[in-house]
Amino acid sequence: MVRIPGLWLAALLPLACTKAPPAEMTAAPLPTPVVPVAAPVPAGATPTGAVPDHPALQQAPAAAAGQLPAGHPPIGAGDPAALAAPQAELPDGPTFTVPAAWQSIPPRPMLYKVYALPKEAGDAEAAELTVSFLGAGLPLDMNVTRWCGQFQLAAGSDCASAAKQTPVAGARHPSTLVEIVGAFLGSMGDPAGAVPKAGWKMATVAVGAPTRTWYFKMVGPRAAVERWQAEAVRMAQQVE
């Protein structure tokens, strides 16, 4: 018997053609997420941002009237009206006597007391002594730098060399006398553009009392300040 290869191939072709193709695999569709939508806002109403079925958000309780968190500075401390007013009389303020030749004048903004001193011969202006106070524990160097800025110092000198600081003996609290000599440019509240006043001096005693820092500041022509600055020291020694 003769086998013809072509016959075997012809016999197998029908079998190959009858095999079913593999089924196509498709992924099941994912469910569409449902996003809650707020109900329409009626005309004229204010939107609140509320979401349906969402628990109500709690609001922080309002601070009681007149109360501030611990350590919060008092509101209005930087009120321009307060900065433009003289410092109020203090029931526990220092009491001191001044020379009869001194004239008490109304205090300017941010000052407690002001005294005009007698003019020295040849002086165009009188020296004066001002008394003021700030909070306790303030660094002295901060004010010394500010005071130096009120003077046109001698050429080649700076605040560190121009401001002479001397501890005050006999005071009840730590006290320092600060002396600066130069052309006076003016203090806070003086008119801008004033002509520097040559040959002037500042002698200020800073007293570090427990509740306040007191300043006895004498400014004027050098001869007048040097005549009276011992009185500024004596006043500072009376602060209790």
Foldseek 3Di string as FASTA:
>chain_A
DDDDVVVVVVVCVVVVVVDDDDDDDDDDDDDDDDDFDDDDDDPPDDDDPDTPPDDDDDDDDDDDPPDDPPPDPDPCPVPVVLQFAEDDDDPQFFDDDADPQWAWDDDTGQFHTKIWHDDDPPFPGTKMKTKHKDWAPDDPVVVLQVQQVQFDADPPDDSVVQWDWDWQPLAPATKIKIKGAHFGNDDPPDDPPDDTHGQKMKIWMWGRDPTIIMIIIIIDHPVNCVVCVVRSSVSRSRTD
